[in-house]
N, C-alpha and C. Protein backbone atom coordinates (compact mmCIF):
# COMPACT_ATOMS: atom_id res chain seq x y z
N MET A 1 -62.03 2.16 154.03
CA MET A 1 -63.45 2.45 154.26
C MET A 1 -63.92 3.28 152.99
N GLU A 2 -64.91 2.87 152.29
CA GLU A 2 -65.49 3.58 151.20
C GLU A 2 -66.50 4.59 151.86
N MET A 3 -66.43 5.86 151.16
CA MET A 3 -67.28 6.83 151.51
C MET A 3 -68.51 6.87 150.70
N ASP A 4 -69.66 6.93 151.37
CA ASP A 4 -70.96 7.08 150.70
C ASP A 4 -71.19 8.53 150.50
N ALA A 5 -72.43 8.63 149.86
CA ALA A 5 -72.69 10.03 149.49
C ALA A 5 -72.79 10.99 150.58
N LEU A 6 -73.33 10.56 151.72
CA LEU A 6 -73.44 11.52 152.95
C LEU A 6 -72.02 11.85 153.43
N ASP A 7 -71.16 10.94 153.43
CA ASP A 7 -69.77 11.12 153.82
C ASP A 7 -69.15 12.29 153.07
N LYS A 8 -69.35 12.08 151.77
CA LYS A 8 -68.76 13.11 150.73
C LYS A 8 -69.32 14.45 150.94
N GLU A 9 -70.61 14.60 151.30
CA GLU A 9 -71.33 15.77 151.45
C GLU A 9 -70.87 16.43 152.72
N ILE A 10 -70.63 15.64 153.80
CA ILE A 10 -70.06 16.20 155.09
C ILE A 10 -68.74 16.71 154.90
N GLN A 11 -67.82 15.90 154.12
CA GLN A 11 -66.50 16.37 153.91
C GLN A 11 -66.46 17.79 153.02
N ALA A 12 -67.41 17.77 152.06
CA ALA A 12 -67.38 18.95 151.27
C ALA A 12 -67.93 20.16 152.01
N ALA A 13 -68.90 20.01 152.81
CA ALA A 13 -69.37 21.17 153.76
C ALA A 13 -68.33 21.53 154.67
N ALA A 14 -67.52 20.65 155.19
CA ALA A 14 -66.39 20.99 156.19
C ALA A 14 -65.38 21.76 155.44
N GLN A 15 -65.08 21.41 154.18
CA GLN A 15 -64.08 22.20 153.38
C GLN A 15 -64.64 23.55 153.06
N GLU A 16 -65.94 23.58 152.81
CA GLU A 16 -66.45 24.94 152.52
C GLU A 16 -66.39 25.82 153.64
N ARG A 17 -66.63 25.25 154.87
CA ARG A 17 -66.57 26.10 156.01
C ARG A 17 -65.12 26.46 156.21
N ALA A 18 -64.28 25.76 156.03
CA ALA A 18 -62.90 26.11 156.24
C ALA A 18 -62.46 27.16 155.23
N ASP A 19 -62.86 27.01 154.03
CA ASP A 19 -62.56 28.13 153.02
C ASP A 19 -63.23 29.36 153.37
N ALA A 20 -64.51 29.40 153.94
CA ALA A 20 -65.21 30.57 154.31
C ALA A 20 -64.52 31.31 155.53
N GLU A 21 -64.07 30.46 156.44
CA GLU A 21 -63.28 31.04 157.58
C GLU A 21 -62.07 31.68 157.16
N GLU A 22 -61.33 31.10 156.25
CA GLU A 22 -60.19 31.81 155.67
C GLU A 22 -60.45 33.11 154.92
N ALA A 23 -61.51 33.13 154.23
CA ALA A 23 -62.08 34.27 153.48
C ALA A 23 -62.42 35.33 154.64
N LEU A 24 -63.15 34.99 155.60
CA LEU A 24 -63.40 35.96 156.69
C LEU A 24 -62.17 36.61 157.30
N LYS A 25 -61.16 35.81 157.55
CA LYS A 25 -60.09 36.36 158.02
C LYS A 25 -59.31 37.35 157.19
N VAL A 26 -59.30 37.14 155.82
CA VAL A 26 -58.70 37.98 154.86
C VAL A 26 -59.63 39.25 154.65
N ALA A 27 -60.87 39.22 154.65
CA ALA A 27 -61.85 40.32 154.70
C ALA A 27 -61.68 41.13 155.88
N ASP A 28 -61.48 40.60 157.12
CA ASP A 28 -61.38 41.15 158.37
C ASP A 28 -60.08 42.00 158.42
N ALA A 29 -59.03 41.39 158.02
CA ALA A 29 -57.75 42.14 157.96
C ALA A 29 -57.70 43.25 157.06
N LYS A 30 -58.53 43.06 155.85
CA LYS A 30 -58.61 44.31 154.98
C LYS A 30 -59.37 45.39 155.45
N LEU A 31 -60.52 45.05 156.08
CA LEU A 31 -61.36 46.03 156.69
C LEU A 31 -60.64 46.86 157.93
N ARG A 32 -59.93 45.99 158.75
CA ARG A 32 -59.26 46.73 159.86
C ARG A 32 -58.23 47.69 159.28
N ALA A 33 -57.40 47.29 158.29
CA ALA A 33 -56.39 48.14 157.59
C ALA A 33 -57.18 49.40 157.27
N LEU A 34 -58.28 49.26 156.41
CA LEU A 34 -58.90 50.36 155.89
C LEU A 34 -59.48 51.32 157.04
N LEU A 35 -60.00 50.81 158.16
CA LEU A 35 -60.36 51.68 159.21
C LEU A 35 -59.19 52.54 159.79
N VAL A 36 -58.04 51.89 159.80
CA VAL A 36 -56.80 52.48 160.35
C VAL A 36 -56.49 53.65 159.33
N LYS A 37 -56.59 53.42 158.12
CA LYS A 37 -56.32 54.23 156.99
C LYS A 37 -57.36 55.58 157.04
N GLY A 38 -58.56 55.10 157.35
CA GLY A 38 -59.67 56.34 157.45
C GLY A 38 -59.38 57.07 158.63
N ARG A 39 -59.03 56.57 159.79
CA ARG A 39 -58.60 57.45 161.00
C ARG A 39 -57.51 58.37 160.58
N ALA A 40 -56.48 57.77 159.84
CA ALA A 40 -55.30 58.68 159.41
C ALA A 40 -55.65 59.71 158.55
N ALA A 41 -56.90 59.47 157.77
CA ALA A 41 -57.40 60.50 156.92
C ALA A 41 -58.37 61.43 157.54
N LYS A 42 -58.46 61.28 158.93
CA LYS A 42 -59.31 62.25 159.62
C LYS A 42 -60.88 61.85 159.66
N LYS A 43 -61.08 60.67 159.28
CA LYS A 43 -62.58 60.13 159.30
C LYS A 43 -62.87 59.63 160.76
N GLY A 44 -63.88 59.95 161.22
CA GLY A 44 -64.25 59.72 162.49
C GLY A 44 -64.84 58.24 162.79
N PRO A 45 -64.78 57.70 163.92
CA PRO A 45 -65.36 56.45 164.18
C PRO A 45 -66.81 56.45 163.92
N SER A 46 -67.57 57.43 164.18
CA SER A 46 -69.11 57.40 164.01
C SER A 46 -69.27 57.32 162.59
N HIS A 47 -68.57 58.01 161.70
CA HIS A 47 -68.88 58.07 160.37
C HIS A 47 -68.45 56.59 159.76
N MET A 48 -67.29 56.01 160.07
CA MET A 48 -66.88 54.78 159.55
C MET A 48 -67.97 53.63 160.13
N ALA A 49 -68.36 53.90 161.31
CA ALA A 49 -69.35 52.82 161.88
C ALA A 49 -70.67 52.77 161.06
N LYS A 50 -71.09 53.97 160.63
CA LYS A 50 -72.25 54.07 159.75
C LYS A 50 -72.01 53.40 158.42
N LEU A 51 -70.80 53.38 157.88
CA LEU A 51 -70.49 52.80 156.66
C LEU A 51 -70.27 51.28 156.76
N THR A 52 -70.00 50.75 157.83
CA THR A 52 -69.70 49.44 158.04
C THR A 52 -70.77 48.60 158.62
N GLY A 53 -71.69 49.20 159.49
CA GLY A 53 -72.62 48.61 160.35
C GLY A 53 -72.10 47.95 161.69
N PHE A 54 -70.88 48.37 162.01
CA PHE A 54 -70.32 48.03 163.27
C PHE A 54 -70.52 49.26 164.28
N THR A 55 -70.37 48.94 165.48
CA THR A 55 -70.59 50.01 166.34
C THR A 55 -69.33 51.07 166.37
N ARG A 56 -69.77 52.23 166.88
CA ARG A 56 -68.64 53.25 166.81
C ARG A 56 -67.57 52.83 167.79
N GLU A 57 -67.94 52.22 168.86
CA GLU A 57 -66.90 51.65 169.95
C GLU A 57 -65.82 50.69 169.33
N TRP A 58 -66.46 49.76 168.50
CA TRP A 58 -65.66 48.73 167.90
C TRP A 58 -64.80 49.36 166.81
N VAL A 59 -65.19 50.25 165.95
CA VAL A 59 -64.31 50.94 165.08
C VAL A 59 -63.27 51.86 165.97
N ALA A 60 -63.58 52.53 166.93
CA ALA A 60 -62.66 53.22 167.69
C ALA A 60 -61.66 52.26 168.31
N LYS A 61 -61.98 51.15 168.69
CA LYS A 61 -60.86 50.23 169.31
C LYS A 61 -60.07 49.69 168.13
N ILE A 62 -60.63 49.41 167.02
CA ILE A 62 -59.72 48.88 165.96
C ILE A 62 -58.71 49.99 165.40
N ALA A 63 -59.36 51.21 165.19
CA ALA A 63 -58.61 52.29 164.72
C ALA A 63 -58.72 53.40 165.62
N PRO A 64 -57.95 53.51 166.61
CA PRO A 64 -57.95 54.74 167.49
C PRO A 64 -57.43 56.05 166.88
N ASP A 65 -57.82 57.02 167.44
CA ASP A 65 -57.21 58.29 166.95
C ASP A 65 -55.79 58.35 167.01
N PRO A 66 -55.10 58.43 165.69
CA PRO A 66 -53.67 58.39 165.77
C PRO A 66 -52.96 59.39 166.73
N LYS A 67 -53.50 60.61 166.94
CA LYS A 67 -52.88 61.59 167.71
C LYS A 67 -52.98 61.08 169.23
N LYS A 68 -54.14 60.55 169.64
CA LYS A 68 -54.17 60.01 170.99
C LYS A 68 -53.50 58.77 171.17
N ALA A 69 -53.41 57.87 170.07
CA ALA A 69 -52.63 56.67 170.23
C ALA A 69 -51.17 56.93 170.59
N ALA A 70 -50.52 57.90 169.84
CA ALA A 70 -49.26 58.37 170.06
C ALA A 70 -48.98 58.82 171.48
N TYR A 71 -49.96 59.59 171.94
CA TYR A 71 -49.91 60.16 173.25
C TYR A 71 -50.09 59.04 174.40
N HIS A 72 -51.02 58.20 174.09
CA HIS A 72 -51.11 57.01 175.05
C HIS A 72 -49.87 56.22 175.05
N ALA A 73 -49.25 55.94 173.91
CA ALA A 73 -48.06 55.14 173.95
C ALA A 73 -46.85 55.79 174.74
N ALA A 74 -46.90 57.11 174.52
CA ALA A 74 -45.79 57.88 175.35
C ALA A 74 -46.11 57.72 176.86
N VAL A 75 -47.39 57.94 177.24
CA VAL A 75 -47.75 57.95 178.68
C VAL A 75 -47.29 56.40 179.28
N VAL A 76 -47.60 55.47 178.39
CA VAL A 76 -47.30 54.06 178.88
C VAL A 76 -45.76 53.88 179.07
N ARG A 77 -45.03 54.32 178.09
CA ARG A 77 -43.58 54.30 178.15
C ARG A 77 -43.03 55.05 179.30
N ARG A 78 -43.57 56.18 179.66
CA ARG A 78 -43.18 56.89 180.82
C ARG A 78 -43.41 56.14 182.14
N MET A 79 -44.53 55.67 182.16
CA MET A 79 -45.10 54.87 183.23
C MET A 79 -44.20 53.66 183.56
N ASN A 80 -43.95 52.90 182.37
CA ASN A 80 -42.95 51.62 182.48
C ASN A 80 -41.68 52.15 182.95
N LYS A 81 -41.10 53.18 182.50
CA LYS A 81 -39.79 53.71 182.73
C LYS A 81 -39.74 54.05 184.29
N SER A 82 -40.68 54.83 184.76
CA SER A 82 -40.68 55.19 186.15
C SER A 82 -40.92 54.13 187.09
N SER A 83 -41.43 52.89 186.62
CA SER A 83 -41.62 51.88 187.59
C SER A 83 -40.40 50.89 187.72
N ASP A 84 -39.41 51.13 186.61
CA ASP A 84 -38.15 50.29 186.72
C ASP A 84 -37.17 50.67 187.92
């Protein structure tokens, strides 16, 4: 079946969308890594939220306080150990 101009346009738009989706995944992973790095450098979620345009809650979820994260992990380990 021969493709007409509209078919080619649809196919090109679909490829453009796939490329954009991949670029978003790469950019998202980079941002998430930088947020974690920021928290390790003692930058607060409110500060980083202002920089990114995302909510403080979203930033805190992606990059929790490293000290509290370690505490939380220890509590979960203890709870899991005690339930065995």
